[in-house]
Amino acid sequence: MGTDVPQPMHHESVQILAAARIDWKAIGYLVSIFSVLFLGAVAWPKPDAPWWNIPALLIGMATSIAGMACRYRAHLDQKREIERAKAEAKRA
């Protein structure tokens, strides 16, 4: 009968790759942009509509999309600030 001699454990580093997180805000803003475009297509004025309807519709669509872009930019800035604060806290 042989005796089992415990072998030293080998410690290997294992890397676990985190799956890329879905940016739900980005998806939400993209969905909102598409909805603005679809609603704009449905609301497109008929040929006998007043002259100002087309510019008003286009300006309304453009400002809505620009507002979503501004909110998304603020979201990205906030995420960067949070990551910066986390990194600073780890260094301290």
PDB file of N, CA and C in Angstrom:
ATOM      1  N   MET A   1       0.836  -1.174   0.000  1.00  0.00           N
ATOM      2  CA  MET A   1       0.000   0.000   0.000  1.00  0.00           C
ATOM      3  C   MET A   1       0.879   1.234   0.000  1.00  0.00           C
ATOM      4  N   GLY A   2       0.624   2.099  -0.903  1.00  0.00           N
ATOM      5  CA  GLY A   2       1.376   3.344  -0.963  1.00  0.00           C
ATOM      6  C   GLY A   2       0.619   4.450  -0.249  1.00  0.00           C
ATOM      7  N   THR A   3       1.361   5.352   0.251  1.00  0.00           N
ATOM      8  CA  THR A   3       0.715   6.500   0.892  1.00  0.00           C
ATOM      9  C   THR A   3       0.664   7.639  -0.101  1.00  0.00           C
ATOM     10  N   ASP A   4      -0.439   8.299  -0.084  1.00  0.00           N
ATOM     11  CA  ASP A   4      -0.590   9.446  -0.975  1.00  0.00           C
ATOM     12  C   ASP A   4       0.032  10.665  -0.316  1.00  0.00           C
ATOM     13  N   VAL A   5       0.993  11.211  -0.984  1.00  0.00           N
ATOM     14  CA  VAL A   5       1.651  12.415  -0.480  1.00  0.00           C
ATOM     15  C   VAL A   5       0.985  13.606  -1.159  1.00  0.00           C
ATOM     16  N   PRO A   6       0.462  14.531  -0.361  1.00  0.00           N
ATOM     17  CA  PRO A   6      -0.197  15.677  -0.992  1.00  0.00           C
ATOM     18  C   PRO A   6       0.797  16.495  -1.810  1.00  0.00           C
ATOM     19  N   GLN A   7       0.391  16.826  -2.973  1.00  0.00           N
ATOM     20  CA  GLN A   7       1.207  17.638  -3.851  1.00  0.00           C
ATOM     21  C   GLN A   7       0.865  19.112  -3.624  1.00  0.00           C
ATOM     22  N   PRO A   8       1.869  19.966  -3.762  1.00  0.00           N
ATOM     23  CA  PRO A   8       1.564  21.388  -3.610  1.00  0.00           C
ATOM     24  C   PRO A   8       0.609  21.842  -4.712  1.00  0.00           C
ATOM     25  N   MET A   9      -0.286  22.720  -4.327  1.00  0.00           N
ATOM     26  CA  MET A   9      -1.243  23.229  -5.296  1.00  0.00           C
ATOM     27  C   MET A   9      -0.578  24.288  -6.164  1.00  0.00           C
ATOM     28  N   HIS A  10      -0.876  24.222  -7.401  1.00  0.00           N
ATOM     29  CA  HIS A  10      -0.367  25.234  -8.324  1.00  0.00           C
ATOM     30  C   HIS A  10      -1.403  26.341  -8.421  1.00  0.00           C
ATOM     31  N   HIS A  11      -0.951  27.546  -8.224  1.00  0.00           N
ATOM     32  CA  HIS A  11      -1.863  28.685  -8.305  1.00  0.00           C
ATOM     33  C   HIS A  11      -1.701  29.351  -9.661  1.00  0.00           C
ATOM     34  N   GLU A  12      -2.677  29.170 -10.458  1.00  0.00           N
ATOM     35  CA  GLU A  12      -2.669  29.787 -11.775  1.00  0.00           C
ATOM     36  C   GLU A  12      -3.676  30.917 -11.780  1.00  0.00           C
ATOM     37  N   SER A  13      -3.286  31.986 -12.391  1.00  0.00           N
ATOM     38  CA  SER A  13      -4.248  33.079 -12.471  1.00  0.00           C
ATOM     39  C   SER A  13      -5.247  32.776 -13.580  1.00  0.00           C
ATOM     40  N   VAL A  14      -6.462  33.031 -13.284  1.00  0.00           N
ATOM     41  CA  VAL A  14      -7.540  32.793 -14.230  1.00  0.00           C
ATOM     42  C   VAL A  14      -8.172  34.142 -14.535  1.00  0.00           C
ATOM     43  N   GLN A  15      -8.277  34.427 -15.803  1.00  0.00           N
ATOM     44  CA  GLN A  15      -8.910  35.676 -16.190  1.00  0.00           C
ATOM     45  C   GLN A  15     -10.343  35.392 -16.586  1.00  0.00           C
ATOM     46  N   ILE A  16     -11.223  36.135 -15.987  1.00  0.00           N
ATOM     47  CA  ILE A  16     -12.631  36.022 -16.330  1.00  0.00           C
ATOM     48  C   ILE A  16     -12.984  37.299 -17.064  1.00  0.00           C
ATOM     49  N   LEU A  17     -13.331  37.138 -18.297  1.00  0.00           N
ATOM     50  CA  LEU A  17     -13.681  38.306 -19.088  1.00  0.00           C
ATOM     51  C   LEU A  17     -15.133  38.669 -18.833  1.00  0.00           C
ATOM     52  N   ALA A  18     -15.322  39.883 -18.405  1.00  0.00           N
ATOM     53  CA  ALA A  18     -16.687  40.334 -18.154  1.00  0.00           C
ATOM     54  C   ALA A  18     -17.354  40.615 -19.497  1.00  0.00           C
ATOM     55  N   ALA A  19     -18.554  40.166 -19.619  1.00  0.00           N
ATOM     56  CA  ALA A  19     -19.296  40.436 -20.847  1.00  0.00           C
ATOM     57  C   ALA A  19     -19.552  41.929 -20.937  1.00  0.00           C
ATOM     58  N   ALA A  20     -19.505  42.424 -22.137  1.00  0.00           N
ATOM     59  CA  ALA A  20     -19.762  43.843 -22.335  1.00  0.00           C
ATOM     60  C   ALA A  20     -21.182  44.144 -21.866  1.00  0.00           C
ATOM     61  N   ARG A  21     -21.278  45.175 -21.050  1.00  0.00           N
ATOM     62  CA  ARG A  21     -22.602  45.536 -20.550  1.00  0.00           C
ATOM     63  C   ARG A  21     -23.380  46.264 -21.625  1.00  0.00           C
ATOM     64  N   ILE A  22     -24.649  46.018 -21.644  1.00  0.00           N
ATOM     65  CA  ILE A  22     -25.523  46.689 -22.605  1.00  0.00           C
ATOM     66  C   ILE A  22     -25.824  48.078 -22.077  1.00  0.00           C
ATOM     67  N   ASP A  23     -25.641  49.064 -22.918  1.00  0.00           N
ATOM     68  CA  ASP A  23     -25.955  50.442 -22.546  1.00  0.00           C
ATOM     69  C   ASP A  23     -27.417  50.706 -22.914  1.00  0.00           C
ATOM     70  N   TRP A  24     -28.281  50.459 -21.939  1.00  0.00           N
ATOM     71  CA  TRP A  24     -29.716  50.574 -22.196  1.00  0.00           C
ATOM     72  C   TRP A  24     -30.132  51.998 -22.524  1.00  0.00           C
ATOM     73  N   LYS A  25     -29.432  52.973 -21.975  1.00  0.00           N
ATOM     74  CA  LYS A  25     -29.768  54.359 -22.313  1.00  0.00           C
ATOM     75  C   LYS A  25     -29.499  54.621 -23.782  1.00  0.00           C
ATOM     76  N   ALA A  26     -28.379  54.124 -24.275  1.00  0.00           N
ATOM     77  CA  ALA A  26     -28.064  54.309 -25.698  1.00  0.00           C
ATOM     78  C   ALA A  26     -29.126  53.663 -26.575  1.00  0.00           C
ATOM     79  N   ILE A  27     -29.532  52.460 -26.208  1.00  0.00           N
ATOM     80  CA  ILE A  27     -30.572  51.774 -26.973  1.00  0.00           C
ATOM     81  C   ILE A  27     -31.877  52.561 -26.907  1.00  0.00           C
ATOM     82  N   GLY A  28     -32.199  53.075 -25.727  1.00  0.00           N
ATOM     83  CA  GLY A  28     -33.418  53.867 -25.579  1.00  0.00           C
ATOM     84  C   GLY A  28     -33.398  55.118 -26.431  1.00  0.00           C
ATOM     85  N   TYR A  29     -32.247  55.794 -26.468  1.00  0.00           N
ATOM     86  CA  TYR A  29     -32.157  56.997 -27.297  1.00  0.00           C
ATOM     87  C   TYR A  29     -32.249  56.654 -28.774  1.00  0.00           C
ATOM     88  N   LEU A  30     -31.650  55.550 -29.206  1.00  0.00           N
ATOM     89  CA  LEU A  30     -31.770  55.139 -30.603  1.00  0.00           C
ATOM     90  C   LEU A  30     -33.219  54.815 -30.966  1.00  0.00           C
ATOM     91  N   VAL A  31     -33.903  54.126 -30.069  1.00  0.00           N
ATOM     92  CA  VAL A  31     -35.321  53.825 -30.305  1.00  0.00           C
ATOM     93  C   VAL A  31     -36.119  55.125 -30.409  1.00  0.00           C
ATOM     94  N   SER A  32     -35.818  56.083 -29.538  1.00  0.00           N
ATOM     95  CA  SER A  32     -36.518  57.372 -29.584  1.00  0.00           C
ATOM     96  C   SER A  32     -36.242  58.106 -30.891  1.00  0.00           C
ATOM     97  N   ILE A  33     -35.020  58.042 -31.371  1.00  0.00           N
ATOM     98  CA  ILE A  33     -34.690  58.697 -32.640  1.00  0.00           C
ATOM     99  C   ILE A  33     -35.480  58.062 -33.776  1.00  0.00           C
ATOM    100  N   PHE A  34     -35.527  56.734 -33.804  1.00  0.00           N
ATOM    101  CA  PHE A  34     -36.308  56.071 -34.852  1.00  0.00           C
ATOM    102  C   PHE A  34     -37.790  56.420 -34.737  1.00  0.00           C
ATOM    103  N   SER A  35     -38.291  56.527 -33.520  1.00  0.00           N
ATOM    104  CA  SER A  35     -39.707  56.869 -33.373  1.00  0.00           C
ATOM    105  C   SER A  35     -39.976  58.282 -33.882  1.00  0.00           C
ATOM    106  N   VAL A  36     -39.048  59.211 -33.640  1.00  0.00           N
ATOM    107  CA  VAL A  36     -39.203  60.576 -34.158  1.00  0.00           C
ATOM    108  C   VAL A  36     -39.249  60.545 -35.687  1.00  0.00           C
ATOM    109  N   LEU A  37     -38.361  59.752 -36.285  1.00  0.00           N
ATOM    110  CA  LEU A  37     -38.341  59.672 -37.750  1.00  0.00           C
ATOM    111  C   LEU A  37     -39.630  59.062 -38.304  1.00  0.00           C
ATOM    112  N   PHE A  38     -40.116  58.002 -37.668  1.00  0.00           N
ATOM    113  CA  PHE A  38     -41.354  57.378 -38.135  1.00  0.00           C
ATOM    114  C   PHE A  38     -42.553  58.305 -37.937  1.00  0.00           C
ATOM    115  N   LEU A  39     -42.626  58.948 -36.785  1.00  0.00           N
ATOM    116  CA  LEU A  39     -43.738  59.869 -36.553  1.00  0.00           C
ATOM    117  C   LEU A  39     -43.672  61.059 -37.507  1.00  0.00           C
ATOM    118  N   GLY A  40     -42.451  61.511 -37.801  1.00  0.00           N
ATOM    119  CA  GLY A  40     -42.293  62.591 -38.776  1.00  0.00           C
ATOM    120  C   GLY A  40     -42.757  62.174 -40.157  1.00  0.00           C
ATOM    121  N   ALA A  41     -42.480  60.923 -40.527  1.00  0.00           N
ATOM    122  CA  ALA A  41     -42.926  60.427 -41.831  1.00  0.00           C
ATOM    123  C   ALA A  41     -44.448  60.388 -41.911  1.00  0.00           C
ATOM    124  N   VAL A  42     -45.077  59.984 -40.817  1.00  0.00           N
ATOM    125  CA  VAL A  42     -46.541  59.921 -40.796  1.00  0.00           C
ATOM    126  C   VAL A  42     -47.145  61.326 -40.799  1.00  0.00           C
ATOM    127  N   ALA A  43     -46.475  62.248 -40.126  1.00  0.00           N
ATOM    128  CA  ALA A  43     -47.008  63.611 -40.004  1.00  0.00           C
ATOM    129  C   ALA A  43     -46.630  64.506 -41.183  1.00  0.00           C
ATOM    130  N   TRP A  44     -45.908  63.990 -42.161  1.00  0.00           N
ATOM    131  CA  TRP A  44     -45.476  64.817 -43.280  1.00  0.00           C
ATOM    132  C   TRP A  44     -46.690  65.506 -43.909  1.00  0.00           C
ATOM    133  N   PRO A  45     -46.611  66.830 -44.078  1.00  0.00           N
ATOM    134  CA  PRO A  45     -47.765  67.589 -44.579  1.00  0.00           C
ATOM    135  C   PRO A  45     -48.152  67.213 -46.015  1.00  0.00           C
ATOM    136  N   LYS A  46     -49.427  67.317 -46.264  1.00  0.00           N
ATOM    137  CA  LYS A  46     -49.971  67.100 -47.612  1.00  0.00           C
ATOM    138  C   LYS A  46     -49.617  68.306 -48.478  1.00  0.00           C
ATOM    139  N   PRO A  47     -49.691  68.160 -49.786  1.00  0.00           N
ATOM    140  CA  PRO A  47     -49.310  69.265 -50.666  1.00  0.00           C
ATOM    141  C   PRO A  47     -50.104  70.563 -50.435  1.00  0.00           C
ATOM    142  N   ASP A  48     -51.331  70.460 -49.947  1.00  0.00           N
ATOM    143  CA  ASP A  48     -52.151  71.664 -49.746  1.00  0.00           C
ATOM    144  C   ASP A  48     -52.003  72.268 -48.339  1.00  0.00           C
ATOM    145  N   ALA A  49     -51.075  71.737 -47.536  1.00  0.00           N
ATOM    146  CA  ALA A  49     -50.847  72.259 -46.175  1.00  0.00           C
ATOM    147  C   ALA A  49     -50.127  73.612 -46.265  1.00  0.00           C
ATOM    148  N   PRO A  50     -50.264  74.429 -45.202  1.00  0.00           N
ATOM    149  CA  PRO A  50     -49.554  75.717 -45.197  1.00  0.00           C
ATOM    150  C   PRO A  50     -48.038  75.521 -45.367  1.00  0.00           C
ATOM    151  N   TRP A  51     -47.382  76.510 -45.938  1.00  0.00           N
ATOM    152  CA  TRP A  51     -45.959  76.429 -46.259  1.00  0.00           C
ATOM    153  C   TRP A  51     -45.087  76.147 -45.043  1.00  0.00           C
ATOM    154  N   TRP A  52     -45.510  76.604 -43.880  1.00  0.00           N
ATOM    155  CA  TRP A  52     -44.673  76.520 -42.683  1.00  0.00           C
ATOM    156  C   TRP A  52     -44.711  75.153 -42.012  1.00  0.00           C
ATOM    157  N   ASN A  53     -45.581  74.257 -42.455  1.00  0.00           N
ATOM    158  CA  ASN A  53     -45.688  72.946 -41.807  1.00  0.00           C
ATOM    159  C   ASN A  53     -44.419  72.102 -41.962  1.00  0.00           C
ATOM    160  N   ILE A  54     -43.834  72.109 -43.147  1.00  0.00           N
ATOM    161  CA  ILE A  54     -42.638  71.287 -43.360  1.00  0.00           C
ATOM    162  C   ILE A  54     -41.473  71.802 -42.520  1.00  0.00           C
ATOM    163  N   PRO A  55     -41.151  73.121 -42.568  1.00  0.00           N
ATOM    164  CA  PRO A  55     -40.052  73.579 -41.708  1.00  0.00           C
ATOM    165  C   PRO A  55     -40.323  73.329 -40.218  1.00  0.00           C
ATOM    166  N   ALA A  56     -41.557  73.526 -39.787  1.00  0.00           N
ATOM    167  CA  ALA A  56     -41.884  73.306 -38.374  1.00  0.00           C
ATOM    168  C   ALA A  56     -41.685  71.839 -37.993  1.00  0.00           C
ATOM    169  N   LEU A  57     -42.121  70.944 -38.869  1.00  0.00           N
ATOM    170  CA  LEU A  57     -41.958  69.513 -38.604  1.00  0.00           C
ATOM    171  C   LEU A  57     -40.476  69.138 -38.550  1.00  0.00           C
ATOM    172  N   LEU A  58     -39.702  69.612 -39.523  1.00  0.00           N
ATOM    173  CA  LEU A  58     -38.272  69.292 -39.562  1.00  0.00           C
ATOM    174  C   LEU A  58     -37.530  69.879 -38.366  1.00  0.00           C
ATOM    175  N   ILE A  59     -37.863  71.100 -37.992  1.00  0.00           N
ATOM    176  CA  ILE A  59     -37.219  71.717 -36.825  1.00  0.00           C
ATOM    177  C   ILE A  59     -37.584  70.951 -35.552  1.00  0.00           C
ATOM    178  N   GLY A  60     -38.834  70.578 -35.426  1.00  0.00           N
ATOM    179  CA  GLY A  60     -39.266  69.806 -34.264  1.00  0.00           C
ATOM    180  C   GLY A  60     -38.558  68.462 -34.177  1.00  0.00           C
ATOM    181  N   MET A  61     -38.438  67.767 -35.307  1.00  0.00           N
ATOM    182  CA  MET A  61     -37.742  66.479 -35.321  1.00  0.00           C
ATOM    183  C   MET A  61     -36.263  66.661 -34.986  1.00  0.00           C
ATOM    184  N   ALA A  62     -35.635  67.665 -35.595  1.00  0.00           N
ATOM    185  CA  ALA A  62     -34.203  67.887 -35.374  1.00  0.00           C
ATOM    186  C   ALA A  62     -33.911  68.268 -33.923  1.00  0.00           C
ATOM    187  N   THR A  63     -34.741  69.115 -33.341  1.00  0.00           N
ATOM    188  CA  THR A  63     -34.491  69.517 -31.954  1.00  0.00           C
ATOM    189  C   THR A  63     -34.744  68.360 -30.990  1.00  0.00           C
ATOM    190  N   SER A  64     -35.693  67.512 -31.301  1.00  0.00           N
ATOM    191  CA  SER A  64     -35.942  66.341 -30.460  1.00  0.00           C
ATOM    192  C   SER A  64     -34.726  65.404 -30.490  1.00  0.00           C
ATOM    193  N   ILE A  65     -34.198  65.153 -31.670  1.00  0.00           N
ATOM    194  CA  ILE A  65     -33.032  64.287 -31.804  1.00  0.00           C
ATOM    195  C   ILE A  65     -31.813  64.939 -31.156  1.00  0.00           C
ATOM    196  N   ALA A  66     -31.644  66.253 -31.334  1.00  0.00           N
ATOM    197  CA  ALA A  66     -30.518  66.951 -30.707  1.00  0.00           C
ATOM    198  C   ALA A  66     -30.625  66.880 -29.183  1.00  0.00           C
ATOM    199  N   GLY A  67     -31.824  66.988 -28.645  1.00  0.00           N
ATOM    200  CA  GLY A  67     -32.018  66.873 -27.199  1.00  0.00           C
ATOM    201  C   GLY A  67     -31.632  65.499 -26.688  1.00  0.00           C
ATOM    202  N   MET A  68     -31.983  64.459 -27.446  1.00  0.00           N
ATOM    203  CA  MET A  68     -31.595  63.100 -27.050  1.00  0.00           C
ATOM    204  C   MET A  68     -30.077  62.942 -27.103  1.00  0.00           C
ATOM    205  N   ALA A  69     -29.450  63.533 -28.111  1.00  0.00           N
ATOM    206  CA  ALA A  69     -27.989  63.456 -28.220  1.00  0.00           C
ATOM    207  C   ALA A  69     -27.327  64.164 -27.032  1.00  0.00           C
ATOM    208  N   CYS A  70     -27.867  65.305 -26.622  1.00  0.00           N
ATOM    209  CA  CYS A  70     -27.320  66.036 -25.461  1.00  0.00           C
ATOM    210  C   CYS A  70     -27.468  65.215 -24.182  1.00  0.00           C
ATOM    211  N   ARG A  71     -28.629  64.596 -23.998  1.00  0.00           N
ATOM    212  CA  ARG A  71     -28.839  63.783 -22.797  1.00  0.00           C
ATOM    213  C   ARG A  71     -27.910  62.572 -22.790  1.00  0.00           C
ATOM    214  N   TYR A  72     -27.699  61.965 -23.960  1.00  0.00           N
ATOM    215  CA  TYR A  72     -26.799  60.822 -24.015  1.00  0.00           C
ATOM    216  C   TYR A  72     -25.360  61.251 -23.740  1.00  0.00           C
ATOM    217  N   ARG A  73     -24.961  62.406 -24.261  1.00  0.00           N
ATOM    218  CA  ARG A  73     -23.614  62.925 -23.993  1.00  0.00           C
ATOM    219  C   ARG A  73     -23.434  63.156 -22.494  1.00  0.00           C
ATOM    220  N   ALA A  74     -24.449  63.727 -21.842  1.00  0.00           N
ATOM    221  CA  ALA A  74     -24.380  63.937 -20.393  1.00  0.00           C
ATOM    222  C   ALA A  74     -24.273  62.599 -19.669  1.00  0.00           C
ATOM    223  N   HIS A  75     -24.965  61.591 -20.151  1.00  0.00           N
ATOM    224  CA  HIS A  75     -24.894  60.246 -19.566  1.00  0.00           C
ATOM    225  C   HIS A  75     -23.472  59.694 -19.669  1.00  0.00           C
ATOM    226  N   LEU A  76     -22.842  59.852 -20.838  1.00  0.00           N
ATOM    227  CA  LEU A  76     -21.466  59.374 -21.016  1.00  0.00           C
ATOM    228  C   LEU A  76     -20.503  60.134 -20.110  1.00  0.00           C
ATOM    229  N   ASP A  77     -20.685  61.442 -20.011  1.00  0.00           N
ATOM    230  CA  ASP A  77     -19.838  62.246 -19.120  1.00  0.00           C
ATOM    231  C   ASP A  77     -19.976  61.776 -17.678  1.00  0.00           C
ATOM    232  N   GLN A  78     -21.197  61.487 -17.260  1.00  0.00           N
ATOM    233  CA  GLN A  78     -21.443  61.021 -15.897  1.00  0.00           C
ATOM    234  C   GLN A  78     -20.784  59.664 -15.656  1.00  0.00           C
ATOM    235  N   LYS A  79     -20.888  58.763 -16.631  1.00  0.00           N
ATOM    236  CA  LYS A  79     -20.241  57.452 -16.498  1.00  0.00           C
ATOM    237  C   LYS A  79     -18.725  57.598 -16.373  1.00  0.00           C
ATOM    238  N   ARG A  80     -18.131  58.489 -17.176  1.00  0.00           N
ATOM    239  CA  ARG A  80     -16.681  58.712 -17.093  1.00  0.00           C
ATOM    240  C   ARG A  80     -16.296  59.276 -15.732  1.00  0.00           C
ATOM    241  N   GLU A  81     -17.096  60.183 -15.196  1.00  0.00           N
ATOM    242  CA  GLU A  81     -16.813  60.779 -13.891  1.00  0.00           C
ATOM    243  C   GLU A  81     -16.893  59.722 -12.795  1.00  0.00           C
ATOM    244  N   ILE A  82     -17.863  58.834 -12.882  1.00  0.00           N
ATOM    245  CA  ILE A  82     -18.005  57.761 -11.897  1.00  0.00           C
ATOM    246  C   ILE A  82     -16.789  56.836 -11.963  1.00  0.00           C
ATOM    247  N   GLU A  83     -16.371  56.463 -13.180  1.00  0.00           N
ATOM    248  CA  GLU A  83     -15.196  55.602 -13.327  1.00  0.00           C
ATOM    249  C   GLU A  83     -13.945  56.294 -12.800  1.00  0.00           C
ATOM    250  N   ARG A  84     -13.814  57.595 -13.041  1.00  0.00           N
ATOM    251  CA  ARG A  84     -12.669  58.355 -12.551  1.00  0.00           C
ATOM    252  C   ARG A  84     -12.663  58.360 -11.018  1.00  0.00           C
ATOM    253  N   ALA A  85     -13.839  58.558 -10.423  1.00  0.00           N
ATOM    254  CA  ALA A  85     -13.936  58.572  -8.961  1.00  0.00           C
ATOM    255  C   ALA A  85     -13.607  57.208  -8.366  1.00  0.00           C
ATOM    256  N   LYS A  86     -14.065  56.126  -9.037  1.00  0.00           N
ATOM    257  CA  LYS A  86     -13.748  54.778  -8.566  1.00  0.00           C
ATOM    258  C   LYS A  86     -12.244  54.511  -8.623  1.00  0.00           C
ATOM    259  N   ALA A  87     -11.631  54.926  -9.730  1.00  0.00           N
ATOM    260  CA  ALA A  87     -10.184  54.722  -9.868  1.00  0.00           C
ATOM    261  C   ALA A  87      -9.422  55.512  -8.829  1.00  0.00           C
ATOM    262  N   GLU A  88      -9.876  56.728  -8.548  1.00  0.00           N
ATOM    263  CA  GLU A  88      -9.230  57.550  -7.535  1.00  0.00           C
ATOM    264  C   GLU A  88      -9.390  56.941  -6.138  1.00  0.00           C
ATOM    265  N   ALA A  89     -10.558  56.380  -5.877  1.00  0.00           N
ATOM    266  CA  ALA A  89     -10.804  55.749  -4.574  1.00  0.00           C
ATOM    267  C   ALA A  89      -9.913  54.514  -4.392  1.00  0.00           C
ATOM    268  N   LYS A  90      -9.664  53.776  -5.465  1.00  0.00           N
ATOM    269  CA  LYS A  90      -8.789  52.606  -5.360  1.00  0.00           C
ATOM    270  C   LYS A  90      -7.354  53.010  -5.077  1.00  0.00           C
ATOM    271  N   ARG A  91      -6.932  54.156  -5.631  1.00  0.00           N
ATOM    272  CA  ARG A  91      -5.557  54.617  -5.415  1.00  0.00           C
ATOM    273  C   ARG A  91      -5.344  55.127  -4.000  1.00  0.00           C
ATOM    274  N   ALA A  92      -6.427  55.622  -3.389  1.00  0.00           N
ATOM    275  CA  ALA A  92      -6.298  56.209  -2.057  1.00  0.00           C
ATOM    276  C   ALA A  92      -6.183  55.171  -0.963  1.00  0.00           C
TER     277      ALA A  92
END
